[in-house]
Amino acid sequence: MGDAGLTDLNQILLKVPGLYVREEDGFGLRPNIGIRGATSERSQKITLMEDGILITPAPYAAPAAYYIPTAAKIVGIEVLKGPSAINHGPHTVGGAINFLSRSADLSKPLLVDIELGRFGSHKVLAAASGKIDQTTVLGQVLSYGSKGFKSVDGGGETGFNRQDFDLKLVHVWPTMPDHF
């Protein structure tokens, strides 16, 4: 993605030509994404994936996206527009977006990233990876949030706290011989 430290998915997605985002909360936690004329209402006219897996709870019956991966844990985004998106799911009128998460990096088995900012904002990311026989393991913990930057008439909280816990296991099965 090239923009280390960005946690607002809106800022990242707006860099893609033909893609537009309607903000819902001001922090990029739940963007409404549209591609080239397809409505942006809860991103329901595009297919959303994380690592190639559909992420909407009911992609065929209710495609509106209420889950979106945390931008701070995304390492890349693939955007497919037009007919090239047809292979990726049921609602590809506008296209498809695949959010790519971190893979296990055995050359750097430990990653720690801490950021502090205005309005009480914070981001803490820790990832550890290793290999046991034919199985590669990646564990990742992300916590980020803010106290908010707006004032609400009548008071109330305007910030958020979000925690993500991920565990990835990749097992390589031994190949079968061509003949017995």
N, C-alpha and C. Protein backbone atom coordinates (compact mmCIF):
# COMPACT_ATOMS: atom_id res chain seq x y z
N MET A 1 0.82 -1.19 0.00
CA MET A 1 0.00 0.00 0.00
C MET A 1 0.87 1.25 0.00
N GLY A 2 2.02 1.19 0.62
CA GLY A 2 2.93 2.31 0.56
C GLY A 2 2.65 3.42 1.55
N ASP A 3 1.59 3.35 2.32
CA ASP A 3 1.25 4.42 3.26
C ASP A 3 1.25 3.85 4.66
N ALA A 4 2.44 3.59 5.19
CA ALA A 4 2.56 3.02 6.52
C ALA A 4 1.91 3.93 7.55
N GLY A 5 1.20 3.35 8.47
CA GLY A 5 0.61 4.12 9.55
C GLY A 5 -0.82 4.56 9.32
N LEU A 6 -1.33 4.46 8.11
CA LEU A 6 -2.71 4.88 7.89
C LEU A 6 -3.68 3.91 8.54
N THR A 7 -4.63 4.43 9.28
CA THR A 7 -5.65 3.59 9.90
C THR A 7 -7.04 3.95 9.40
N ASP A 8 -7.16 4.95 8.53
CA ASP A 8 -8.44 5.36 7.98
C ASP A 8 -8.57 4.75 6.59
N LEU A 9 -9.42 3.75 6.45
CA LEU A 9 -9.59 3.05 5.18
C LEU A 9 -10.09 3.99 4.09
N ASN A 10 -10.86 5.02 4.47
CA ASN A 10 -11.34 5.99 3.49
C ASN A 10 -10.16 6.65 2.77
N GLN A 11 -9.14 7.07 3.52
CA GLN A 11 -7.98 7.74 2.93
C GLN A 11 -7.24 6.82 1.96
N ILE A 12 -7.17 5.56 2.28
CA ILE A 12 -6.47 4.59 1.43
C ILE A 12 -7.26 4.34 0.15
N LEU A 13 -8.56 4.10 0.28
CA LEU A 13 -9.39 3.76 -0.87
C LEU A 13 -9.58 4.91 -1.84
N LEU A 14 -9.57 6.14 -1.35
CA LEU A 14 -9.77 7.29 -2.22
C LEU A 14 -8.62 7.50 -3.19
N LYS A 15 -7.52 6.81 -3.02
CA LYS A 15 -6.37 6.92 -3.93
C LYS A 15 -6.55 6.07 -5.18
N VAL A 16 -7.59 5.23 -5.21
CA VAL A 16 -7.84 4.35 -6.36
C VAL A 16 -8.78 5.06 -7.33
N PRO A 17 -8.36 5.26 -8.59
CA PRO A 17 -9.24 5.91 -9.57
C PRO A 17 -10.52 5.10 -9.80
N GLY A 18 -11.64 5.79 -9.92
CA GLY A 18 -12.91 5.13 -10.19
C GLY A 18 -13.59 4.57 -8.95
N LEU A 19 -12.99 4.74 -7.80
CA LEU A 19 -13.54 4.22 -6.55
C LEU A 19 -13.93 5.42 -5.69
N TYR A 20 -15.10 5.39 -5.10
CA TYR A 20 -15.50 6.48 -4.23
C TYR A 20 -16.04 5.92 -2.92
N VAL A 21 -15.92 6.73 -1.88
CA VAL A 21 -16.27 6.29 -0.53
C VAL A 21 -17.15 7.34 0.11
N ARG A 22 -18.22 6.89 0.73
CA ARG A 22 -19.08 7.78 1.50
C ARG A 22 -18.82 7.47 2.97
N GLU A 23 -18.37 8.46 3.72
CA GLU A 23 -18.01 8.25 5.13
C GLU A 23 -19.24 8.05 5.98
N GLU A 24 -19.07 7.24 7.02
CA GLU A 24 -20.17 7.00 7.94
C GLU A 24 -19.83 7.47 9.35
N ASP A 25 -18.56 7.32 9.76
CA ASP A 25 -18.22 7.62 11.14
C ASP A 25 -17.06 8.59 11.30
N GLY A 26 -16.35 8.93 10.24
CA GLY A 26 -15.24 9.86 10.33
C GLY A 26 -13.90 9.22 10.64
N PHE A 27 -13.86 7.95 10.98
CA PHE A 27 -12.61 7.27 11.28
C PHE A 27 -12.26 6.21 10.24
N GLY A 28 -13.11 5.99 9.26
CA GLY A 28 -12.85 4.97 8.25
C GLY A 28 -13.09 3.56 8.72
N LEU A 29 -13.88 3.40 9.79
CA LEU A 29 -14.15 2.07 10.33
C LEU A 29 -15.17 1.31 9.50
N ARG A 30 -16.08 2.03 8.87
CA ARG A 30 -17.14 1.37 8.11
C ARG A 30 -17.43 2.19 6.85
N PRO A 31 -16.55 2.10 5.85
CA PRO A 31 -16.78 2.89 4.64
C PRO A 31 -17.87 2.29 3.76
N ASN A 32 -18.57 3.15 3.07
CA ASN A 32 -19.55 2.74 2.06
C ASN A 32 -18.86 2.94 0.72
N ILE A 33 -18.53 1.84 0.03
CA ILE A 33 -17.67 1.89 -1.14
C ILE A 33 -18.49 1.68 -2.40
N GLY A 34 -18.20 2.48 -3.40
CA GLY A 34 -18.81 2.32 -4.71
C GLY A 34 -17.72 2.34 -5.77
N ILE A 35 -17.95 1.62 -6.87
CA ILE A 35 -16.98 1.60 -7.96
C ILE A 35 -17.71 1.97 -9.25
N ARG A 36 -17.25 3.02 -9.89
CA ARG A 36 -17.73 3.44 -11.21
C ARG A 36 -19.24 3.37 -11.39
N GLY A 37 -19.96 4.12 -10.60
CA GLY A 37 -21.40 4.23 -10.78
C GLY A 37 -22.24 3.29 -9.94
N ALA A 38 -21.66 2.25 -9.38
CA ALA A 38 -22.43 1.35 -8.51
C ALA A 38 -22.66 2.05 -7.18
N THR A 39 -23.85 1.92 -6.66
CA THR A 39 -24.21 2.61 -5.41
C THR A 39 -23.26 2.24 -4.28
N SER A 40 -23.06 3.16 -3.37
CA SER A 40 -22.14 2.92 -2.26
C SER A 40 -22.87 2.56 -0.97
N GLU A 41 -24.14 2.24 -1.04
CA GLU A 41 -24.90 1.92 0.17
C GLU A 41 -24.42 0.62 0.79
N ARG A 42 -23.68 0.73 1.85
CA ARG A 42 -23.12 -0.43 2.57
C ARG A 42 -22.33 -1.36 1.65
N SER A 43 -21.75 -0.80 0.59
CA SER A 43 -20.90 -1.54 -0.33
C SER A 43 -21.60 -2.77 -0.91
N GLN A 44 -22.92 -2.70 -1.10
CA GLN A 44 -23.67 -3.89 -1.48
C GLN A 44 -23.61 -4.24 -2.96
N LYS A 45 -23.08 -3.41 -3.82
CA LYS A 45 -23.00 -3.74 -5.24
C LYS A 45 -21.59 -4.17 -5.66
N ILE A 46 -20.73 -4.38 -4.68
CA ILE A 46 -19.39 -4.89 -4.96
C ILE A 46 -19.13 -6.08 -4.04
N THR A 47 -18.21 -6.92 -4.45
CA THR A 47 -17.85 -8.06 -3.62
C THR A 47 -16.63 -7.68 -2.78
N LEU A 48 -16.73 -7.87 -1.47
CA LEU A 48 -15.62 -7.59 -0.56
C LEU A 48 -15.03 -8.90 -0.07
N MET A 49 -13.70 -9.00 -0.11
CA MET A 49 -13.01 -10.21 0.32
C MET A 49 -11.83 -9.83 1.22
N GLU A 50 -11.45 -10.77 2.08
CA GLU A 50 -10.20 -10.65 2.83
C GLU A 50 -9.39 -11.90 2.52
N ASP A 51 -8.23 -11.71 1.94
CA ASP A 51 -7.37 -12.81 1.50
C ASP A 51 -8.11 -13.78 0.58
N GLY A 52 -8.98 -13.24 -0.29
CA GLY A 52 -9.69 -14.05 -1.27
C GLY A 52 -10.95 -14.73 -0.75
N ILE A 53 -11.33 -14.48 0.50
CA ILE A 53 -12.52 -15.10 1.11
C ILE A 53 -13.59 -14.04 1.27
N LEU A 54 -14.82 -14.34 0.82
CA LEU A 54 -15.93 -13.39 0.97
C LEU A 54 -16.12 -13.02 2.43
N ILE A 55 -16.30 -11.72 2.72
CA ILE A 55 -16.41 -11.30 4.12
C ILE A 55 -17.79 -10.83 4.52
N THR A 56 -18.72 -10.71 3.59
CA THR A 56 -20.07 -10.34 4.00
C THR A 56 -20.75 -11.55 4.63
N PRO A 57 -21.57 -11.35 5.65
CA PRO A 57 -22.16 -12.49 6.34
C PRO A 57 -23.05 -13.36 5.47
N ALA A 58 -23.79 -12.76 4.53
CA ALA A 58 -24.67 -13.52 3.63
C ALA A 58 -24.52 -12.93 2.23
N PRO A 59 -23.43 -13.24 1.53
CA PRO A 59 -23.14 -12.56 0.27
C PRO A 59 -24.20 -12.73 -0.82
N TYR A 60 -24.95 -13.83 -0.80
CA TYR A 60 -25.96 -14.04 -1.83
C TYR A 60 -27.30 -13.41 -1.47
N ALA A 61 -27.67 -13.43 -0.20
CA ALA A 61 -28.98 -12.95 0.22
C ALA A 61 -28.97 -11.50 0.71
N ALA A 62 -27.96 -11.13 1.48
CA ALA A 62 -27.88 -9.79 2.06
C ALA A 62 -26.45 -9.28 1.93
N PRO A 63 -26.10 -8.69 0.79
CA PRO A 63 -24.71 -8.35 0.53
C PRO A 63 -24.19 -7.13 1.26
N ALA A 64 -25.02 -6.41 1.98
CA ALA A 64 -24.54 -5.21 2.68
C ALA A 64 -23.45 -5.59 3.67
N ALA A 65 -22.36 -4.84 3.62
CA ALA A 65 -21.19 -5.16 4.46
C ALA A 65 -21.25 -4.43 5.79
N TYR A 66 -21.29 -5.17 6.86
CA TYR A 66 -21.23 -4.57 8.19
C TYR A 66 -19.90 -4.86 8.85
N TYR A 67 -19.09 -5.68 8.20
CA TYR A 67 -17.73 -5.94 8.68
C TYR A 67 -16.77 -5.48 7.58
N ILE A 68 -15.74 -4.82 8.00
CA ILE A 68 -14.67 -4.43 7.08
C ILE A 68 -13.37 -4.65 7.85
N PRO A 69 -12.34 -5.18 7.21
CA PRO A 69 -11.08 -5.39 7.94
C PRO A 69 -10.50 -4.08 8.46
N THR A 70 -9.81 -4.15 9.55
CA THR A 70 -9.16 -2.98 10.12
C THR A 70 -8.02 -2.54 9.20
N ALA A 71 -8.03 -1.28 8.81
CA ALA A 71 -7.04 -0.76 7.86
C ALA A 71 -5.61 -0.93 8.38
N ALA A 72 -5.41 -0.84 9.68
CA ALA A 72 -4.07 -0.93 10.25
C ALA A 72 -3.46 -2.32 10.08
N LYS A 73 -4.26 -3.34 9.84
CA LYS A 73 -3.71 -4.68 9.65
C LYS A 73 -3.67 -5.12 8.20
N ILE A 74 -4.13 -4.25 7.29
CA ILE A 74 -4.13 -4.54 5.87
C ILE A 74 -2.79 -4.14 5.27
N VAL A 75 -2.19 -5.04 4.49
CA VAL A 75 -0.89 -4.74 3.86
C VAL A 75 -1.02 -4.46 2.37
N GLY A 76 -2.19 -4.73 1.79
CA GLY A 76 -2.41 -4.46 0.38
C GLY A 76 -3.87 -4.57 0.03
N ILE A 77 -4.26 -3.95 -1.08
CA ILE A 77 -5.64 -3.99 -1.55
C ILE A 77 -5.63 -4.25 -3.05
N GLU A 78 -6.41 -5.25 -3.48
CA GLU A 78 -6.59 -5.52 -4.90
C GLU A 78 -7.98 -5.02 -5.28
N VAL A 79 -8.06 -4.20 -6.31
CA VAL A 79 -9.34 -3.68 -6.79
C VAL A 79 -9.55 -4.18 -8.21
N LEU A 80 -10.65 -4.90 -8.43
CA LEU A 80 -11.00 -5.40 -9.75
C LEU A 80 -12.25 -4.68 -10.22
N LYS A 81 -12.20 -4.12 -11.42
CA LYS A 81 -13.33 -3.39 -11.96
C LYS A 81 -13.85 -4.09 -13.22
N GLY A 82 -15.13 -3.96 -13.45
CA GLY A 82 -15.71 -4.48 -14.68
C GLY A 82 -15.75 -6.00 -14.72
N PRO A 83 -15.70 -6.57 -15.94
CA PRO A 83 -15.86 -8.02 -16.12
C PRO A 83 -14.80 -8.87 -15.40
N SER A 84 -13.64 -8.32 -15.11
CA SER A 84 -12.60 -9.11 -14.45
C SER A 84 -13.00 -9.53 -13.04
N ALA A 85 -14.02 -8.89 -12.47
CA ALA A 85 -14.45 -9.20 -11.11
C ALA A 85 -15.47 -10.34 -11.05
N ILE A 86 -15.99 -10.78 -12.18
CA ILE A 86 -17.08 -11.74 -12.20
C ILE A 86 -16.74 -13.06 -11.52
N ASN A 87 -15.49 -13.47 -11.52
CA ASN A 87 -15.08 -14.73 -10.89
C ASN A 87 -15.11 -14.69 -9.37
N HIS A 88 -15.31 -13.53 -8.77
CA HIS A 88 -15.09 -13.39 -7.34
C HIS A 88 -16.34 -13.32 -6.48
N GLY A 89 -17.51 -13.53 -7.04
CA GLY A 89 -18.67 -13.55 -6.18
C GLY A 89 -19.94 -13.09 -6.83
N PRO A 90 -20.99 -13.05 -6.03
CA PRO A 90 -22.32 -12.80 -6.56
C PRO A 90 -22.63 -11.34 -6.88
N HIS A 91 -22.06 -10.41 -6.17
CA HIS A 91 -22.40 -9.01 -6.36
C HIS A 91 -21.19 -8.24 -6.87
N THR A 92 -20.93 -8.40 -8.15
CA THR A 92 -19.75 -7.78 -8.75
C THR A 92 -20.15 -6.77 -9.82
N VAL A 93 -21.34 -6.17 -9.70
CA VAL A 93 -21.80 -5.19 -10.67
C VAL A 93 -20.77 -4.08 -10.79
N GLY A 94 -20.29 -3.59 -9.68
CA GLY A 94 -19.29 -2.53 -9.69
C GLY A 94 -17.88 -3.06 -9.72
N GLY A 95 -17.66 -4.22 -9.15
CA GLY A 95 -16.31 -4.78 -9.09
C GLY A 95 -16.12 -5.58 -7.81
N ALA A 96 -14.88 -5.83 -7.50
CA ALA A 96 -14.53 -6.60 -6.30
C ALA A 96 -13.30 -5.98 -5.65
N ILE A 97 -13.27 -6.04 -4.33
CA ILE A 97 -12.12 -5.54 -3.57
C ILE A 97 -11.65 -6.66 -2.66
N ASN A 98 -10.36 -6.94 -2.72
CA ASN A 98 -9.74 -7.97 -1.89
C ASN A 98 -8.73 -7.30 -0.97
N PHE A 99 -8.99 -7.35 0.34
CA PHE A 99 -8.07 -6.81 1.33
C PHE A 99 -7.06 -7.89 1.69
N LEU A 100 -5.79 -7.58 1.59
CA LEU A 100 -4.73 -8.55 1.86
C LEU A 100 -4.14 -8.32 3.24
N SER A 101 -4.12 -9.37 4.05
CA SER A 101 -3.56 -9.24 5.40
C SER A 101 -2.13 -9.76 5.43
N ARG A 102 -1.47 -9.53 6.52
CA ARG A 102 -0.07 -9.90 6.71
C ARG A 102 0.13 -11.40 6.60
N SER A 103 1.22 -11.79 5.97
CA SER A 103 1.62 -13.19 5.92
C SER A 103 2.76 -13.40 6.90
N ALA A 104 2.98 -14.63 7.28
CA ALA A 104 4.08 -14.94 8.19
C ALA A 104 5.41 -14.65 7.49
N ASP A 105 6.25 -13.88 8.14
CA ASP A 105 7.59 -13.57 7.61
C ASP A 105 8.61 -14.18 8.56
N LEU A 106 9.15 -15.32 8.18
CA LEU A 106 10.07 -16.03 9.06
C LEU A 106 11.42 -15.34 9.17
N SER A 107 11.74 -14.44 8.23
CA SER A 107 12.99 -13.69 8.34
C SER A 107 12.88 -12.59 9.40
N LYS A 108 11.65 -12.16 9.71
CA LYS A 108 11.39 -11.17 10.77
C LYS A 108 10.29 -11.74 11.66
N PRO A 109 10.64 -12.64 12.58
CA PRO A 109 9.60 -13.35 13.34
C PRO A 109 8.82 -12.50 14.34
N LEU A 110 9.30 -11.28 14.64
CA LEU A 110 8.61 -10.43 15.62
C LEU A 110 8.48 -9.02 15.07
N LEU A 111 7.27 -8.48 15.17
CA LEU A 111 6.99 -7.12 14.72
C LEU A 111 6.22 -6.40 15.82
N VAL A 112 6.68 -5.22 16.19
CA VAL A 112 5.98 -4.38 17.16
C VAL A 112 5.92 -2.97 16.58
N ASP A 113 4.72 -2.39 16.53
CA ASP A 113 4.52 -1.05 15.99
C ASP A 113 3.62 -0.30 16.96
N ILE A 114 4.13 0.80 17.50
CA ILE A 114 3.36 1.62 18.45
C ILE A 114 3.32 3.05 17.92
N GLU A 115 2.10 3.60 17.86
CA GLU A 115 1.92 4.97 17.41
C GLU A 115 0.97 5.69 18.36
N LEU A 116 1.29 6.95 18.66
CA LEU A 116 0.44 7.80 19.48
C LEU A 116 0.17 9.08 18.71
N GLY A 117 -1.02 9.66 18.90
CA GLY A 117 -1.36 10.86 18.15
C GLY A 117 -2.30 11.77 18.90
N ARG A 118 -2.81 12.76 18.18
CA ARG A 118 -3.72 13.74 18.77
C ARG A 118 -5.04 13.10 19.14
N PHE A 119 -5.78 13.77 19.99
CA PHE A 119 -7.10 13.35 20.44
C PHE A 119 -7.07 11.98 21.12
N GLY A 120 -5.96 11.69 21.78
CA GLY A 120 -5.84 10.43 22.51
C GLY A 120 -5.79 9.21 21.61
N SER A 121 -5.39 9.41 20.36
CA SER A 121 -5.36 8.26 19.44
C SER A 121 -4.12 7.41 19.70
N HIS A 122 -4.30 6.11 19.49
CA HIS A 122 -3.22 5.16 19.69
C HIS A 122 -3.38 3.98 18.76
N LYS A 123 -2.26 3.36 18.43
CA LYS A 123 -2.27 2.13 17.65
C LYS A 123 -1.12 1.27 18.16
N VAL A 124 -1.43 0.05 18.55
CA VAL A 124 -0.43 -0.91 18.99
C VAL A 124 -0.64 -2.19 18.20
N LEU A 125 0.38 -2.58 17.46
CA LEU A 125 0.32 -3.79 16.65
C LEU A 125 1.50 -4.67 17.03
N ALA A 126 1.23 -5.93 17.33
CA ALA A 126 2.28 -6.91 17.63
C ALA A 126 1.99 -8.17 16.84
N ALA A 127 3.00 -8.68 16.16
CA ALA A 127 2.84 -9.90 15.37
C ALA A 127 4.06 -10.80 15.60
N ALA A 128 3.80 -12.08 15.70
CA ALA A 128 4.87 -13.06 15.87
C ALA A 128 4.61 -14.22 14.93
N SER A 129 5.66 -14.73 14.30
CA SER A 129 5.49 -15.87 13.38
C SER A 129 6.59 -16.89 13.63
N GLY A 130 6.28 -18.11 13.29
CA GLY A 130 7.23 -19.20 13.45
C GLY A 130 6.79 -20.40 12.63
N LYS A 131 7.64 -21.42 12.62
CA LYS A 131 7.34 -22.62 11.84
C LYS A 131 7.57 -23.85 12.70
N ILE A 132 6.60 -24.75 12.65
CA ILE A 132 6.69 -26.02 13.36
C ILE A 132 6.45 -27.11 12.32
N ASP A 133 7.49 -27.84 11.98
CA ASP A 133 7.44 -28.86 10.93
C ASP A 133 6.90 -28.25 9.63
N GLN A 134 5.78 -28.72 9.13
CA GLN A 134 5.21 -28.20 7.88
C GLN A 134 4.16 -27.11 8.12
N THR A 135 4.05 -26.63 9.33
CA THR A 135 3.02 -25.64 9.66
C THR A 135 3.66 -24.30 10.02
N THR A 136 3.24 -23.26 9.33
CA THR A 136 3.68 -21.90 9.64
C THR A 136 2.56 -21.23 10.43
N VAL A 137 2.95 -20.52 11.49
CA VAL A 137 1.98 -19.89 12.40
C VAL A 137 2.25 -18.38 12.43
N LEU A 138 1.18 -17.59 12.37
CA LEU A 138 1.27 -16.15 12.53
C LEU A 138 0.21 -15.73 13.53
N GLY A 139 0.62 -15.08 14.60
CA GLY A 139 -0.30 -14.51 15.58
C GLY A 139 -0.16 -13.01 15.55
N GLN A 140 -1.29 -12.30 15.60
CA GLN A 140 -1.25 -10.85 15.51
C GLN A 140 -2.30 -10.24 16.44
N VAL A 141 -1.90 -9.20 17.14
CA VAL A 141 -2.80 -8.47 18.03
C VAL A 141 -2.73 -7.00 17.64
N LEU A 142 -3.89 -6.39 17.47
CA LEU A 142 -3.97 -4.98 17.11
C LEU A 142 -4.97 -4.30 18.02
N SER A 143 -4.56 -3.19 18.59
CA SER A 143 -5.47 -2.36 19.39
C SER A 143 -5.30 -0.93 18.93
N TYR A 144 -6.40 -0.31 18.54
CA TYR A 144 -6.29 1.11 18.23
C TYR A 144 -7.59 1.82 18.56
N GLY A 145 -7.47 3.13 18.75
CA GLY A 145 -8.64 3.90 19.12
C GLY A 145 -8.32 5.37 19.24
N SER A 146 -9.33 6.12 19.65
CA SER A 146 -9.22 7.56 19.81
C SER A 146 -10.29 8.02 20.78
N LYS A 147 -10.05 9.14 21.41
CA LYS A 147 -11.07 9.73 22.29
C LYS A 147 -12.08 10.53 21.49
N GLY A 148 -11.80 10.74 20.20
CA GLY A 148 -12.74 11.46 19.34
C GLY A 148 -12.31 12.89 19.12
N PHE A 149 -12.80 13.46 18.02
CA PHE A 149 -12.43 14.83 17.67
C PHE A 149 -13.64 15.73 17.51
N LYS A 150 -14.83 15.21 17.78
CA LYS A 150 -16.05 15.99 17.64
C LYS A 150 -16.70 16.21 19.00
N SER A 151 -17.56 17.21 19.06
CA SER A 151 -18.37 17.45 20.25
C SER A 151 -19.82 17.17 19.88
N VAL A 152 -20.50 16.45 20.73
CA VAL A 152 -21.89 16.11 20.49
C VAL A 152 -22.76 16.96 21.41
N ASP A 153 -23.80 17.57 20.82
CA ASP A 153 -24.74 18.34 21.65
C ASP A 153 -25.34 17.42 22.69
N GLY A 154 -25.28 17.79 23.93
CA GLY A 154 -25.79 16.95 25.00
C GLY A 154 -24.73 16.03 25.58
N GLY A 155 -23.52 16.09 25.05
CA GLY A 155 -22.42 15.27 25.57
C GLY A 155 -22.42 13.87 25.00
N GLY A 156 -21.46 13.11 25.45
CA GLY A 156 -21.34 11.72 24.99
C GLY A 156 -20.00 11.47 24.33
N GLU A 157 -19.67 10.22 24.25
CA GLU A 157 -18.40 9.80 23.66
C GLU A 157 -18.45 9.90 22.13
N THR A 158 -17.35 10.33 21.53
CA THR A 158 -17.26 10.37 20.07
C THR A 158 -16.09 9.55 19.56
N GLY A 159 -15.39 8.90 20.45
CA GLY A 159 -14.24 8.10 20.05
C GLY A 159 -14.59 6.63 19.88
N PHE A 160 -13.57 5.80 19.83
CA PHE A 160 -13.78 4.37 19.66
C PHE A 160 -12.54 3.63 20.16
N ASN A 161 -12.71 2.38 20.43
CA ASN A 161 -11.63 1.45 20.72
C ASN A 161 -11.92 0.19 19.93
N ARG A 162 -10.90 -0.33 19.27
CA ARG A 162 -11.08 -1.54 18.46
C ARG A 162 -9.90 -2.47 18.70
N GLN A 163 -10.21 -3.74 18.91
CA GLN A 163 -9.18 -4.75 19.10
C GLN A 163 -9.41 -5.86 18.08
N ASP A 164 -8.33 -6.32 17.47
CA ASP A 164 -8.36 -7.44 16.54
C ASP A 164 -7.34 -8.46 16.99
N PHE A 165 -7.74 -9.72 16.97
CA PHE A 165 -6.86 -10.83 17.30
C PHE A 165 -6.91 -11.80 16.13
N ASP A 166 -5.76 -12.08 15.53
CA ASP A 166 -5.71 -12.96 14.36
C ASP A 166 -4.73 -14.09 14.61
N LEU A 167 -5.09 -15.25 14.10
CA LEU A 167 -4.21 -16.41 14.12
C LEU A 167 -4.32 -17.06 12.75
N LYS A 168 -3.19 -17.18 12.06
CA LYS A 168 -3.15 -17.82 10.75
C LYS A 168 -2.29 -19.06 10.84
N LEU A 169 -2.80 -20.14 10.29
CA LEU A 169 -2.05 -21.39 10.21
C LEU A 169 -1.98 -21.79 8.75
N VAL A 170 -0.79 -22.08 8.26
CA VAL A 170 -0.61 -22.56 6.90
C VAL A 170 0.14 -23.88 7.00
N HIS A 171 -0.50 -24.93 6.53
CA HIS A 171 0.12 -26.26 6.58
C HIS A 171 0.38 -26.74 5.16
N VAL A 172 1.58 -27.21 4.91
CA VAL A 172 1.94 -27.75 3.61
C VAL A 172 1.89 -29.27 3.72
N TRP A 173 0.96 -29.87 2.97
CA TRP A 173 0.80 -31.32 3.00
C TRP A 173 1.84 -31.96 2.10
N PRO A 174 2.39 -33.08 2.51
CA PRO A 174 3.36 -33.76 1.64
C PRO A 174 2.66 -34.22 0.35
N THR A 175 3.38 -34.15 -0.75
CA THR A 175 2.79 -34.54 -2.03
C THR A 175 2.79 -36.06 -2.16
N MET A 176 1.82 -36.55 -2.90
CA MET A 176 1.70 -37.98 -3.15
C MET A 176 2.62 -38.35 -4.32
N PRO A 177 3.23 -39.51 -4.30
CA PRO A 177 4.03 -39.92 -5.45
C PRO A 177 3.13 -40.17 -6.66
N ASP A 178 3.68 -40.02 -7.86
CA ASP A 178 2.91 -40.19 -9.08
C ASP A 178 2.41 -41.61 -9.26
N HIS A 179 3.14 -42.57 -8.74
CA HIS A 179 2.73 -43.96 -8.86
C HIS A 179 2.96 -44.68 -7.54
N PHE A 180 2.27 -45.76 -7.33
CA PHE A 180 2.36 -46.47 -6.05
C PHE A 180 3.23 -47.68 -6.20
